[in-house]
Amino acid sequence: MTITTKELNELMSQSARDGIEYMRNVHQKPITLCQADLPHVEIVLTKLALEHIKQPLVDKDLFTLCNILGAIVGETFKQARGGEWFMDESVPNAPFVVLNYAGKSFPFASVCYEKIVKTPEVNIAKYFELALGGATN
């Protein structure tokens, strides 16, 4: 089943709304899709990374959390600059979603995954700033 760009953009918009609800309901952090709220997402990602070290998250939960939190960041970027969500299937067994803008691709959910699972020092708010400046690929 192939998903259209329009469907993927709608899905990621809904995922961002789900992420906002998660932030509010689970972490008592009411946020919006604005850059000023991204440090709150960063704090939650750091908590998740620490929890993952103690007790690894189930793959399904990890996938969901990375996608909804990455969608918040990506939708915030879309509001600030624009762009379209794209399903990158260059790795056949592991497709992933990126936000394409001005010839660059920003894998916000993958950055969230990287922070939780591999490199807790990764900073999604800083990555967002670099993306705005066009400094990342």
Protein backbone atom coordinates (compact mmCIF):
# COMPACT_ATOMS: atom_id res chain seq x y z
CA MET A 1 0.00 0.00 0.00
CA THR A 2 1.46 3.33 -1.07
CA ILE A 3 0.59 6.47 0.82
CA THR A 4 0.18 9.73 -1.07
CA THR A 5 1.96 12.93 -0.08
CA LYS A 6 -1.37 14.44 0.91
CA GLU A 7 -2.24 11.45 3.11
CA LEU A 8 1.22 11.48 4.69
CA ASN A 9 0.97 15.20 5.43
CA GLU A 10 -2.44 14.63 7.05
CA LEU A 11 -1.07 11.67 9.02
CA MET A 12 1.89 13.68 10.33
CA SER A 13 -0.36 16.61 11.23
CA GLN A 14 -2.53 14.21 13.25
CA SER A 15 0.61 12.67 14.77
CA ALA A 16 1.69 16.13 15.95
CA ARG A 17 -1.73 16.63 17.56
CA ASP A 18 -1.32 13.23 19.24
CA GLY A 19 2.12 14.33 20.44
CA ILE A 20 0.69 17.53 21.90
CA GLU A 21 -1.92 15.47 23.77
CA TYR A 22 0.81 13.11 25.01
CA MET A 23 2.87 16.06 26.27
CA ARG A 24 -0.16 17.50 28.06
CA ASN A 25 -1.64 14.29 29.48
CA VAL A 26 1.48 12.30 30.37
CA HIS A 27 4.01 15.05 31.15
CA GLN A 28 1.70 17.90 32.18
CA LYS A 29 3.36 20.17 29.57
CA PRO A 30 0.78 22.03 27.49
CA ILE A 31 2.59 22.96 24.29
CA THR A 32 1.80 24.32 20.87
CA LEU A 33 3.57 24.08 17.54
CA CYS A 34 6.01 26.90 18.25
CA GLN A 35 9.77 26.93 18.55
CA ALA A 36 9.61 28.29 22.10
CA ASP A 37 7.96 25.02 23.23
CA LEU A 38 10.60 22.71 21.73
CA PRO A 39 12.75 22.73 24.90
CA HIS A 40 9.82 20.97 26.61
CA VAL A 41 9.96 18.26 23.94
CA GLU A 42 13.72 18.06 24.52
CA ILE A 43 13.18 17.51 28.27
CA VAL A 44 10.69 14.71 27.63
CA LEU A 45 13.05 13.06 25.14
CA THR A 46 15.83 13.21 27.73
CA LYS A 47 13.54 11.57 30.31
CA LEU A 48 12.64 8.87 27.79
CA ALA A 49 16.34 8.28 27.03
CA LEU A 50 17.08 7.83 30.74
CA GLU A 51 14.10 5.50 31.16
CA HIS A 52 15.20 3.53 28.09
CA ILE A 53 18.62 2.93 29.68
CA LYS A 54 16.99 1.49 32.81
CA GLN A 55 14.20 -0.41 31.06
CA PRO A 56 14.23 -0.50 27.24
CA LEU A 57 11.01 0.67 25.63
CA VAL A 58 9.00 -1.83 23.63
CA ASP A 59 9.67 -1.30 19.90
CA LYS A 60 6.06 -0.33 19.17
CA ASP A 61 6.06 2.30 21.95
CA LEU A 62 9.46 3.60 20.86
CA PHE A 63 8.26 3.92 17.25
CA THR A 64 5.08 5.73 18.32
CA LEU A 65 6.85 8.14 20.67
CA CYS A 66 9.54 9.01 18.12
CA ASN A 67 6.94 9.62 15.44
CA ILE A 68 4.59 11.79 17.50
CA LEU A 69 7.38 13.83 19.07
CA GLY A 70 9.20 14.10 15.74
CA ALA A 71 5.91 15.20 14.16
CA ILE A 72 5.66 18.05 16.68
CA VAL A 73 9.10 19.27 15.65
CA GLY A 74 8.42 18.77 11.94
CA GLU A 75 5.04 20.47 12.00
CA THR A 76 6.62 23.37 13.90
CA PHE A 77 9.21 23.58 11.11
CA LYS A 78 6.46 23.46 8.46
CA GLN A 79 4.70 26.39 10.11
CA ALA A 80 7.93 28.39 10.24
CA ARG A 81 9.34 27.54 6.79
CA GLY A 82 7.12 25.13 4.88
CA GLY A 83 7.91 21.73 3.45
CA GLU A 84 6.26 18.40 2.70
CA TRP A 85 6.45 15.09 4.51
CA PHE A 86 7.99 12.26 2.47
CA MET A 87 8.30 8.51 3.05
CA ASP A 88 11.94 7.63 2.39
CA GLU A 89 12.06 4.04 1.24
CA SER A 90 15.75 3.98 0.30
CA VAL A 91 16.20 1.26 2.94
CA PRO A 92 13.56 -1.28 1.81
CA ASN A 93 13.04 -2.98 5.20
CA ALA A 94 13.15 0.25 7.22
CA PRO A 95 11.29 3.12 5.55
CA PHE A 96 11.22 6.38 7.49
CA VAL A 97 9.52 9.75 7.27
CA VAL A 98 11.39 12.96 6.53
CA LEU A 99 10.32 16.54 6.03
CA ASN A 100 11.57 17.82 2.68
CA TYR A 101 12.24 21.53 2.34
CA ALA A 102 14.36 23.46 -0.18
CA GLY A 103 16.14 20.36 -1.44
CA LYS A 104 16.99 19.07 2.04
CA SER A 105 15.48 16.28 4.11
CA PHE A 106 14.99 16.52 7.86
CA PRO A 107 14.37 13.19 9.66
CA PHE A 108 12.91 14.62 12.87
CA ALA A 109 11.51 11.28 14.13
CA SER A 110 14.85 9.58 13.44
CA VAL A 111 16.63 12.27 15.47
CA CYS A 112 14.24 11.54 18.35
CA TYR A 113 15.05 7.83 18.02
CA GLU A 114 18.78 8.57 17.97
CA LYS A 115 18.46 10.56 21.20
CA ILE A 116 16.40 7.96 23.06
CA VAL A 117 18.26 4.84 21.93
CA LYS A 118 21.83 5.74 21.05
CA THR A 119 23.03 9.25 21.80
CA PRO A 120 21.25 11.04 24.67
CA GLU A 121 23.39 14.14 24.01
CA VAL A 122 21.52 14.78 20.76
CA ASN A 123 19.41 17.91 21.14
CA ILE A 124 16.23 18.11 19.05
CA ALA A 125 15.76 21.83 19.75
CA LYS A 126 19.29 22.52 18.49
CA TYR A 127 18.71 20.28 15.46
CA PHE A 128 15.57 22.31 14.74
CA GLU A 129 17.59 25.55 14.85
CA LEU A 130 20.17 24.09 12.48
CA ALA A 131 17.40 22.90 10.16
CA LEU A 132 15.91 26.41 10.12
CA GLY A 133 19.30 27.73 9.17
CA GLY A 134 19.64 25.11 6.44
CA ALA A 135 22.77 23.72 8.08
CA THR A 136 21.72 20.05 8.19
CA ASN A 137 20.85 17.35 5.70
